[in-house]
Amino acid sequence: MTTVLLKQTASENASFLTKEEKIEEIALHFSSILNVLGLDLEDESLRDTPMRVAKMYVEEIFSGLNPKLKPKITLFENTSGYKEMLLEKNITFWGLTSRE
């Protein structure tokens, strides 16, 4: 399965893999990373790490890439009579961007 995925583009991968398949594929690759680092995946403290990391990427960090999870935009009446833009400050924001 890995060989097939590496020959496809990212958008092609995302369109045909289920959430569970994405987690499985990422866990496999993260296991390889830990092996390259010389870490023992049989150790109790590391045994489930590849799966935990994979779930973190799919279900948390990059969950916004799923169009089905896009937030619904809602409108409401301006009953307070504001005539200027409302501004919310001090919001923590994290983003992941591609770099060249």
C-alpha atoms as a PDB file:
ATOM      1  CA  MET A   1       0.000   0.000   0.000  1.00  0.00           C
ATOM      2  CA  THR A   2       2.818   2.432   0.829  1.00  0.00           C
ATOM      3  CA  THR A   3       4.334   2.214  -2.644  1.00  0.00           C
ATOM      4  CA  VAL A   4       1.026   3.090  -4.261  1.00  0.00           C
ATOM      5  CA  LEU A   5       0.532   6.094  -1.987  1.00  0.00           C
ATOM      6  CA  LEU A   6       3.963   7.533  -2.650  1.00  0.00           C
ATOM      7  CA  LYS A   7       3.275   7.576  -6.397  1.00  0.00           C
ATOM      8  CA  GLN A   8       0.060   9.584  -5.966  1.00  0.00           C
ATOM      9  CA  THR A   9      -0.371  13.259  -5.234  1.00  0.00           C
ATOM     10  CA  ALA A  10      -1.530  14.407  -1.814  1.00  0.00           C
ATOM     11  CA  SER A  11      -4.982  15.383  -3.061  1.00  0.00           C
ATOM     12  CA  GLU A  12      -5.425  11.993  -4.718  1.00  0.00           C
ATOM     13  CA  ASN A  13      -4.442  10.279  -1.450  1.00  0.00           C
ATOM     14  CA  ALA A  14      -6.863  12.345   0.600  1.00  0.00           C
ATOM     15  CA  SER A  15      -9.744  11.651  -1.737  1.00  0.00           C
ATOM     16  CA  PHE A  16      -9.602   7.856  -1.652  1.00  0.00           C
ATOM     17  CA  LEU A  17      -8.334   7.030   1.846  1.00  0.00           C
ATOM     18  CA  THR A  18     -10.711   6.664   4.765  1.00  0.00           C
ATOM     19  CA  LYS A  19      -9.845   8.261   8.094  1.00  0.00           C
ATOM     20  CA  GLU A  20      -8.818   4.846   9.429  1.00  0.00           C
ATOM     21  CA  GLU A  21      -6.584   4.174   6.400  1.00  0.00           C
ATOM     22  CA  LYS A  22      -4.896   7.559   6.817  1.00  0.00           C
ATOM     23  CA  ILE A  23      -4.209   6.802  10.482  1.00  0.00           C
ATOM     24  CA  GLU A  24      -2.827   3.367   9.620  1.00  0.00           C
ATOM     25  CA  GLU A  25      -0.565   4.762   6.877  1.00  0.00           C
ATOM     26  CA  ILE A  26       0.773   7.592   9.045  1.00  0.00           C
ATOM     27  CA  ALA A  27       1.372   5.192  11.957  1.00  0.00           C
ATOM     28  CA  LEU A  28       3.384   2.943   9.638  1.00  0.00           C
ATOM     29  CA  HIS A  29       5.575   5.842   8.513  1.00  0.00           C
ATOM     30  CA  PHE A  30       6.005   7.173  12.044  1.00  0.00           C
ATOM     31  CA  SER A  31       7.081   3.708  13.180  1.00  0.00           C
ATOM     32  CA  SER A  32       9.790   3.875  10.515  1.00  0.00           C
ATOM     33  CA  ILE A  33      10.919   7.263  11.831  1.00  0.00           C
ATOM     34  CA  LEU A  34      11.174   5.925  15.377  1.00  0.00           C
ATOM     35  CA  ASN A  35      13.122   2.902  14.105  1.00  0.00           C
ATOM     36  CA  VAL A  36      15.572   5.172  12.243  1.00  0.00           C
ATOM     37  CA  LEU A  37      16.078   7.056  15.521  1.00  0.00           C
ATOM     38  CA  GLY A  38      16.948   3.748  17.186  1.00  0.00           C
ATOM     39  CA  LEU A  39      13.949   3.702  19.516  1.00  0.00           C
ATOM     40  CA  ASP A  40      12.551   0.366  20.681  1.00  0.00           C
ATOM     41  CA  LEU A  41       8.897   0.123  19.674  1.00  0.00           C
ATOM     42  CA  GLU A  42       8.522  -2.952  21.874  1.00  0.00           C
ATOM     43  CA  ASP A  43       9.105  -0.725  24.909  1.00  0.00           C
ATOM     44  CA  GLU A  44       5.822  -0.250  26.753  1.00  0.00           C
ATOM     45  CA  SER A  45       6.166   3.537  26.771  1.00  0.00           C
ATOM     46  CA  LEU A  46       6.606   3.680  22.977  1.00  0.00           C
ATOM     47  CA  ARG A  47       4.487   0.767  21.775  1.00  0.00           C
ATOM     48  CA  ASP A  48       1.377   2.821  20.944  1.00  0.00           C
ATOM     49  CA  THR A  49       3.159   6.052  20.023  1.00  0.00           C
ATOM     50  CA  PRO A  50       2.907   5.663  16.212  1.00  0.00           C
ATOM     51  CA  MET A  51      -0.867   5.202  16.454  1.00  0.00           C
ATOM     52  CA  ARG A  52      -1.240   8.107  18.912  1.00  0.00           C
ATOM     53  CA  VAL A  53       0.766  10.417  16.632  1.00  0.00           C
ATOM     54  CA  ALA A  54      -1.197   9.320  13.564  1.00  0.00           C
ATOM     55  CA  LYS A  55      -4.526   9.956  15.306  1.00  0.00           C
ATOM     56  CA  MET A  56      -3.257  13.367  16.441  1.00  0.00           C
ATOM     57  CA  TYR A  57      -2.466  14.367  12.846  1.00  0.00           C
ATOM     58  CA  VAL A  58      -5.701  13.061  11.312  1.00  0.00           C
ATOM     59  CA  GLU A  59      -8.216  13.818  14.075  1.00  0.00           C
ATOM     60  CA  GLU A  60      -6.743  17.022  15.485  1.00  0.00           C
ATOM     61  CA  ILE A  61      -4.000  18.937  13.693  1.00  0.00           C
ATOM     62  CA  PHE A  62      -5.238  18.446  10.116  1.00  0.00           C
ATOM     63  CA  SER A  63      -8.906  17.714  10.820  1.00  0.00           C
ATOM     64  CA  GLY A  64      -9.808  21.005   9.148  1.00  0.00           C
ATOM     65  CA  LEU A  65      -8.774  19.590   5.776  1.00  0.00           C
ATOM     66  CA  ASN A  66     -11.946  17.524   5.740  1.00  0.00           C
ATOM     67  CA  PRO A  67     -14.569  19.591   3.862  1.00  0.00           C
ATOM     68  CA  LYS A  68     -17.332  17.853   5.827  1.00  0.00           C
ATOM     69  CA  LEU A  69     -15.997  19.505   8.999  1.00  0.00           C
ATOM     70  CA  LYS A  70     -16.070  23.040   7.593  1.00  0.00           C
ATOM     71  CA  PRO A  71     -17.902  25.316  10.049  1.00  0.00           C
ATOM     72  CA  LYS A  72     -21.316  26.580   9.068  1.00  0.00           C
ATOM     73  CA  ILE A  73     -21.485  30.344   8.647  1.00  0.00           C
ATOM     74  CA  THR A  74     -24.378  31.978  10.447  1.00  0.00           C
ATOM     75  CA  LEU A  75     -25.813  35.486  10.354  1.00  0.00           C
ATOM     76  CA  PHE A  76     -27.701  37.365  13.031  1.00  0.00           C
ATOM     77  CA  GLU A  77     -29.585  40.621  13.263  1.00  0.00           C
ATOM     78  CA  ASN A  78     -27.690  43.708  14.443  1.00  0.00           C
ATOM     79  CA  THR A  79     -30.076  44.376  17.326  1.00  0.00           C
ATOM     80  CA  SER A  80     -27.431  46.398  19.194  1.00  0.00           C
ATOM     81  CA  GLY A  81     -27.109  48.897  16.333  1.00  0.00           C
ATOM     82  CA  TYR A  82     -23.351  48.556  15.837  1.00  0.00           C
ATOM     83  CA  LYS A  83     -22.080  50.740  12.983  1.00  0.00           C
ATOM     84  CA  GLU A  84     -18.449  49.569  13.055  1.00  0.00           C
ATOM     85  CA  MET A  85     -16.702  46.265  12.734  1.00  0.00           C
ATOM     86  CA  LEU A  86     -16.575  44.168  15.903  1.00  0.00           C
ATOM     87  CA  LEU A  87     -13.095  43.022  16.825  1.00  0.00           C
ATOM     88  CA  GLU A  88     -12.209  40.124  19.099  1.00  0.00           C
ATOM     89  CA  LYS A  89      -8.696  40.330  20.561  1.00  0.00           C
ATOM     90  CA  ASN A  90      -6.258  37.974  22.272  1.00  0.00           C
ATOM     91  CA  ILE A  91      -7.339  34.839  20.440  1.00  0.00           C
ATOM     92  CA  THR A  92      -4.694  32.136  20.319  1.00  0.00           C
ATOM     93  CA  PHE A  93      -4.230  30.987  16.739  1.00  0.00           C
ATOM     94  CA  TRP A  94      -2.035  28.169  15.466  1.00  0.00           C
ATOM     95  CA  GLY A  95      -1.462  27.420  11.815  1.00  0.00           C
ATOM     96  CA  LEU A  96       0.600  25.106   9.662  1.00  0.00           C
ATOM     97  CA  THR A  97       1.756  26.522   6.361  1.00  0.00           C
ATOM     98  CA  SER A  98       3.877  25.098   3.590  1.00  0.00           C
ATOM     99  CA  ARG A  99       7.294  26.582   3.024  1.00  0.00           C
ATOM    100  CA  GLU A 100       9.350  26.512  -0.119  1.00  0.00           C
END
